[in-house]
Amino acid sequence: MVREQGRKFVAQNKKARHDYLIEDTWEAGLVLTGTEVKSLRAGRASLVDGFAEVDDHEMWLLGVHIPEYTQGTWTNHAARRKRKLLLHRSEISKIERKVGDKGYTLVPLSLYFKDGRAKVEIALARGKKTYDKRHALAERQANREKEQAIGRRLKGME
């Protein structure tokens, strides 16, 4: 059997980059059951309410919704169960120190298959204030207008 190559994205948490200021990211493996893998390969998952935590020097992913596999039997999994993340012990201790600081949380950014294995990208994030969100939106809009003006000028429309 031929092994998959490259990345196949299953889910992305686009709202996380809007709601949080991302400081650092890590790639972690996931401990999954068979029906969870089949459901993910079908492209069904939601990271919206997900977060990660360190408990007794182990990383856990909570609140991520992987729906039950449609052709699954009584062996199907619970949709929002606690899932273990696979990281090196040194990475976990570094994350544990950083999360201990006030205002930091661990947020999943994306869920994907890399060379046939399920991976999740988690980020150390700090919540943005409402005015920060408005400022980022205004800055993005100003850059877009600037690029459009440059484009029009290069085309000779102005």
C-alpha atoms as a PDB file:
ATOM      1  CA  MET A   1       0.000   0.000   0.000  1.00  0.00           C
ATOM      2  CA  VAL A   2       1.314   3.447  -0.938  1.00  0.00           C
ATOM      3  CA  ARG A   3       1.727   5.922   1.917  1.00  0.00           C
ATOM      4  CA  GLU A   4       0.193   9.381   1.538  1.00  0.00           C
ATOM      5  CA  GLN A   5       2.578  12.252   0.902  1.00  0.00           C
ATOM      6  CA  GLY A   6       2.192  15.929   1.815  1.00  0.00           C
ATOM      7  CA  ARG A   7      -0.539  17.669   3.767  1.00  0.00           C
ATOM      8  CA  LYS A   8      -4.295  17.273   3.562  1.00  0.00           C
ATOM      9  CA  PHE A   9      -6.142  19.905   5.606  1.00  0.00           C
ATOM     10  CA  VAL A  10      -9.260  18.751   7.448  1.00  0.00           C
ATOM     11  CA  ALA A  11     -10.227  21.841   9.477  1.00  0.00           C
ATOM     12  CA  GLN A  12      -8.931  25.316  10.244  1.00  0.00           C
ATOM     13  CA  ASN A  13      -9.825  27.686  13.065  1.00  0.00           C
ATOM     14  CA  LYS A  14      -9.898  31.001  11.169  1.00  0.00           C
ATOM     15  CA  LYS A  15     -11.583  32.804  14.054  1.00  0.00           C
ATOM     16  CA  ALA A  16      -8.610  32.058  16.347  1.00  0.00           C
ATOM     17  CA  ARG A  17      -6.321  34.410  14.421  1.00  0.00           C
ATOM     18  CA  HIS A  18      -8.980  37.119  14.726  1.00  0.00           C
ATOM     19  CA  ASP A  19      -9.724  36.622  18.427  1.00  0.00           C
ATOM     20  CA  TYR A  20      -6.192  35.911  19.677  1.00  0.00           C
ATOM     21  CA  LEU A  21      -2.687  37.282  19.294  1.00  0.00           C
ATOM     22  CA  ILE A  22      -0.625  34.216  18.302  1.00  0.00           C
ATOM     23  CA  GLU A  23       2.784  34.095  19.975  1.00  0.00           C
ATOM     24  CA  ASP A  24       4.144  30.602  19.251  1.00  0.00           C
ATOM     25  CA  THR A  25       2.974  27.446  17.439  1.00  0.00           C
ATOM     26  CA  TRP A  26       3.695  23.728  17.718  1.00  0.00           C
ATOM     27  CA  GLU A  27       2.759  20.681  15.655  1.00  0.00           C
ATOM     28  CA  ALA A  28       1.435  17.794  17.721  1.00  0.00           C
ATOM     29  CA  GLY A  29       0.280  14.290  16.924  1.00  0.00           C
ATOM     30  CA  LEU A  30      -3.149  13.060  18.019  1.00  0.00           C
ATOM     31  CA  VAL A  31      -4.151   9.822  19.724  1.00  0.00           C
ATOM     32  CA  LEU A  32      -7.327   8.798  17.862  1.00  0.00           C
ATOM     33  CA  THR A  33      -9.606   5.784  17.565  1.00  0.00           C
ATOM     34  CA  GLY A  34     -10.390   4.122  14.221  1.00  0.00           C
ATOM     35  CA  THR A  35     -13.758   5.777  13.653  1.00  0.00           C
ATOM     36  CA  GLU A  36     -12.279   9.205  14.434  1.00  0.00           C
ATOM     37  CA  VAL A  37      -9.660   8.742  11.727  1.00  0.00           C
ATOM     38  CA  LYS A  38     -12.316   7.675   9.218  1.00  0.00           C
ATOM     39  CA  SER A  39     -14.448  10.692  10.086  1.00  0.00           C
ATOM     40  CA  LEU A  40     -11.428  13.010   9.691  1.00  0.00           C
ATOM     41  CA  ARG A  41     -10.510  11.462   6.337  1.00  0.00           C
ATOM     42  CA  ALA A  42     -14.054  12.310   5.227  1.00  0.00           C
ATOM     43  CA  GLY A  43     -13.160  15.937   6.057  1.00  0.00           C
ATOM     44  CA  ARG A  44     -15.467  16.392   9.016  1.00  0.00           C
ATOM     45  CA  ALA A  45     -14.241  18.275  12.100  1.00  0.00           C
ATOM     46  CA  SER A  46     -14.693  21.584  13.907  1.00  0.00           C
ATOM     47  CA  LEU A  47     -12.042  23.404  15.951  1.00  0.00           C
ATOM     48  CA  VAL A  48     -14.210  26.393  16.916  1.00  0.00           C
ATOM     49  CA  ASP A  49     -14.648  25.650  20.640  1.00  0.00           C
ATOM     50  CA  GLY A  50     -11.402  23.730  21.011  1.00  0.00           C
ATOM     51  CA  PHE A  51      -8.560  24.391  23.428  1.00  0.00           C
ATOM     52  CA  ALA A  52      -5.620  22.475  24.875  1.00  0.00           C
ATOM     53  CA  GLU A  53      -4.413  22.079  28.429  1.00  0.00           C
ATOM     54  CA  VAL A  54      -1.516  20.531  30.310  1.00  0.00           C
ATOM     55  CA  ASP A  55      -2.580  18.032  32.966  1.00  0.00           C
ATOM     56  CA  ASP A  56       0.010  16.057  34.957  1.00  0.00           C
ATOM     57  CA  HIS A  57       2.744  16.727  32.348  1.00  0.00           C
ATOM     58  CA  GLU A  58       0.512  15.490  29.498  1.00  0.00           C
ATOM     59  CA  MET A  59      -1.151  17.600  26.779  1.00  0.00           C
ATOM     60  CA  TRP A  60      -4.867  17.179  26.124  1.00  0.00           C
ATOM     61  CA  LEU A  61      -7.108  18.582  23.395  1.00  0.00           C
ATOM     62  CA  LEU A  62     -10.616  19.415  24.576  1.00  0.00           C
ATOM     63  CA  GLY A  63     -13.754  20.766  22.922  1.00  0.00           C
ATOM     64  CA  VAL A  64     -12.818  19.711  19.376  1.00  0.00           C
ATOM     65  CA  HIS A  65     -15.821  18.232  17.579  1.00  0.00           C
ATOM     66  CA  ILE A  66     -15.147  15.200  15.393  1.00  0.00           C
ATOM     67  CA  PRO A  67     -18.615  13.860  14.463  1.00  0.00           C
ATOM     68  CA  GLU A  68     -19.427  10.174  14.684  1.00  0.00           C
ATOM     69  CA  TYR A  69     -18.558   8.106  11.628  1.00  0.00           C
ATOM     70  CA  THR A  70     -21.737   7.483   9.632  1.00  0.00           C
ATOM     71  CA  GLN A  71     -20.967   3.809   8.886  1.00  0.00           C
ATOM     72  CA  GLY A  72     -19.696   3.188  12.423  1.00  0.00           C
ATOM     73  CA  THR A  73     -21.343   0.607  14.665  1.00  0.00           C
ATOM     74  CA  TRP A  74     -21.525   0.411  18.442  1.00  0.00           C
ATOM     75  CA  THR A  75     -17.735   1.004  18.459  1.00  0.00           C
ATOM     76  CA  ASN A  76     -18.234   4.653  17.411  1.00  0.00           C
ATOM     77  CA  HIS A  77     -16.522   7.395  19.413  1.00  0.00           C
ATOM     78  CA  ALA A  78     -17.912  10.306  21.450  1.00  0.00           C
ATOM     79  CA  ALA A  79     -17.890  13.481  19.348  1.00  0.00           C
ATOM     80  CA  ARG A  80     -16.293  15.822  21.926  1.00  0.00           C
ATOM     81  CA  ARG A  81     -14.093  13.496  23.940  1.00  0.00           C
ATOM     82  CA  LYS A  82     -10.769  14.436  25.542  1.00  0.00           C
ATOM     83  CA  ARG A  83      -7.910  13.576  23.122  1.00  0.00           C
ATOM     84  CA  LYS A  84      -4.246  13.192  24.015  1.00  0.00           C
ATOM     85  CA  LEU A  85      -1.647  15.252  22.139  1.00  0.00           C
ATOM     86  CA  LEU A  86       1.763  13.808  21.338  1.00  0.00           C
ATOM     87  CA  LEU A  87       4.668  16.170  22.009  1.00  0.00           C
ATOM     88  CA  HIS A  88       8.199  15.807  23.346  1.00  0.00           C
ATOM     89  CA  ARG A  89       8.533  16.173  27.107  1.00  0.00           C
ATOM     90  CA  SER A  90      10.757  19.239  26.711  1.00  0.00           C
ATOM     91  CA  GLU A  91       8.107  20.926  24.530  1.00  0.00           C
ATOM     92  CA  ILE A  92       5.389  20.138  27.072  1.00  0.00           C
ATOM     93  CA  SER A  93       7.413  21.604  29.950  1.00  0.00           C
ATOM     94  CA  LYS A  94       8.154  24.753  27.900  1.00  0.00           C
ATOM     95  CA  ILE A  95       4.436  25.115  27.070  1.00  0.00           C
ATOM     96  CA  GLU A  96       3.482  24.510  30.707  1.00  0.00           C
ATOM     97  CA  ARG A  97       5.772  27.345  31.856  1.00  0.00           C
ATOM     98  CA  LYS A  98       4.403  29.763  29.252  1.00  0.00           C
ATOM     99  CA  VAL A  99       0.725  28.927  29.878  1.00  0.00           C
ATOM    100  CA  GLY A 100       1.297  29.569  33.575  1.00  0.00           C
ATOM    101  CA  ASP A 101       1.641  33.276  32.765  1.00  0.00           C
ATOM    102  CA  LYS A 102      -1.530  35.306  33.124  1.00  0.00           C
ATOM    103  CA  GLY A 103      -3.706  35.670  30.035  1.00  0.00           C
ATOM    104  CA  TYR A 104      -2.247  32.861  27.892  1.00  0.00           C
ATOM    105  CA  THR A 105      -4.154  29.924  26.458  1.00  0.00           C
ATOM    106  CA  LEU A 106      -3.558  27.087  23.990  1.00  0.00           C
ATOM    107  CA  VAL A 107      -5.733  27.176  20.877  1.00  0.00           C
ATOM    108  CA  PRO A 108      -5.847  24.684  17.962  1.00  0.00           C
ATOM    109  CA  LEU A 109      -5.270  26.460  14.637  1.00  0.00           C
ATOM    110  CA  SER A 110      -5.564  23.615  12.147  1.00  0.00           C
ATOM    111  CA  LEU A 111      -6.155  19.877  11.915  1.00  0.00           C
ATOM    112  CA  TYR A 112      -4.556  18.001   9.029  1.00  0.00           C
ATOM    113  CA  PHE A 113      -2.945  14.795   7.824  1.00  0.00           C
ATOM    114  CA  LYS A 114       0.804  14.944   7.262  1.00  0.00           C
ATOM    115  CA  ASP A 115       2.246  11.912   5.485  1.00  0.00           C
ATOM    116  CA  GLY A 116      -0.821   9.897   6.522  1.00  0.00           C
ATOM    117  CA  ARG A 117      -0.739  10.830  10.222  1.00  0.00           C
ATOM    118  CA  ALA A 118      -3.223  13.111  11.968  1.00  0.00           C
ATOM    119  CA  LYS A 119      -1.619  16.305  13.277  1.00  0.00           C
ATOM    120  CA  VAL A 120      -2.922  19.425  15.002  1.00  0.00           C
ATOM    121  CA  GLU A 121      -1.220  22.806  15.066  1.00  0.00           C
ATOM    122  CA  ILE A 122      -1.623  24.397  18.479  1.00  0.00           C
ATOM    123  CA  ALA A 123      -0.740  27.967  19.345  1.00  0.00           C
ATOM    124  CA  LEU A 124       0.157  29.838  22.491  1.00  0.00           C
ATOM    125  CA  ALA A 125      -2.217  32.784  22.314  1.00  0.00           C
ATOM    126  CA  ARG A 126      -3.266  35.849  24.254  1.00  0.00           C
ATOM    127  CA  GLY A 127      -6.800  37.198  23.878  1.00  0.00           C
ATOM    128  CA  LYS A 128      -7.218  40.402  21.874  1.00  0.00           C
ATOM    129  CA  LYS A 129      -9.248  43.304  23.135  1.00  0.00           C
ATOM    130  CA  THR A 130     -12.081  44.675  20.995  1.00  0.00           C
ATOM    131  CA  TYR A 131     -10.135  47.804  20.059  1.00  0.00           C
ATOM    132  CA  ASP A 132      -7.201  45.626  18.906  1.00  0.00           C
ATOM    133  CA  LYS A 133      -9.550  43.769  16.557  1.00  0.00           C
ATOM    134  CA  ARG A 134     -10.901  47.039  15.151  1.00  0.00           C
ATOM    135  CA  HIS A 135      -7.374  48.394  14.707  1.00  0.00           C
ATOM    136  CA  ALA A 136      -6.249  45.248  12.833  1.00  0.00           C
ATOM    137  CA  LEU A 137      -9.329  45.434  10.593  1.00  0.00           C
ATOM    138  CA  ALA A 138      -8.728  49.135   9.806  1.00  0.00           C
ATOM    139  CA  GLU A 139      -5.050  48.474   9.058  1.00  0.00           C
ATOM    140  CA  ARG A 140      -5.921  45.617   6.691  1.00  0.00           C
ATOM    141  CA  GLN A 141      -8.493  47.818   4.916  1.00  0.00           C
ATOM    142  CA  ALA A 142      -5.956  50.677   4.532  1.00  0.00           C
ATOM    143  CA  ASN A 143      -3.377  48.299   3.046  1.00  0.00           C
ATOM    144  CA  ARG A 144      -5.962  46.933   0.614  1.00  0.00           C
ATOM    145  CA  GLU A 145      -6.914  50.451  -0.541  1.00  0.00           C
ATOM    146  CA  LYS A 146      -3.232  51.382  -0.916  1.00  0.00           C
ATOM    147  CA  GLU A 147      -2.552  48.306  -3.085  1.00  0.00           C
ATOM    148  CA  GLN A 148      -5.608  49.054  -5.241  1.00  0.00           C
ATOM    149  CA  ALA A 149      -4.473  52.677  -5.758  1.00  0.00           C
ATOM    150  CA  ILE A 150      -0.983  51.523  -6.774  1.00  0.00           C
ATOM    151  CA  GLY A 151      -2.497  48.997  -9.180  1.00  0.00           C
ATOM    152  CA  ARG A 152      -4.758  51.610 -10.777  1.00  0.00           C
ATOM    153  CA  ARG A 153      -1.854  54.023 -11.133  1.00  0.00           C
ATOM    154  CA  LEU A 154       0.369  51.403 -12.784  1.00  0.00           C
ATOM    155  CA  LYS A 155      -2.395  50.604 -15.257  1.00  0.00           C
ATOM    156  CA  GLY A 156      -2.731  54.295 -16.075  1.00  0.00           C
ATOM    157  CA  MET A 157      -6.325  54.599 -14.891  1.00  0.00           C
ATOM    158  CA  GLU A 158      -5.677  57.695 -12.765  1.00  0.00           C
END
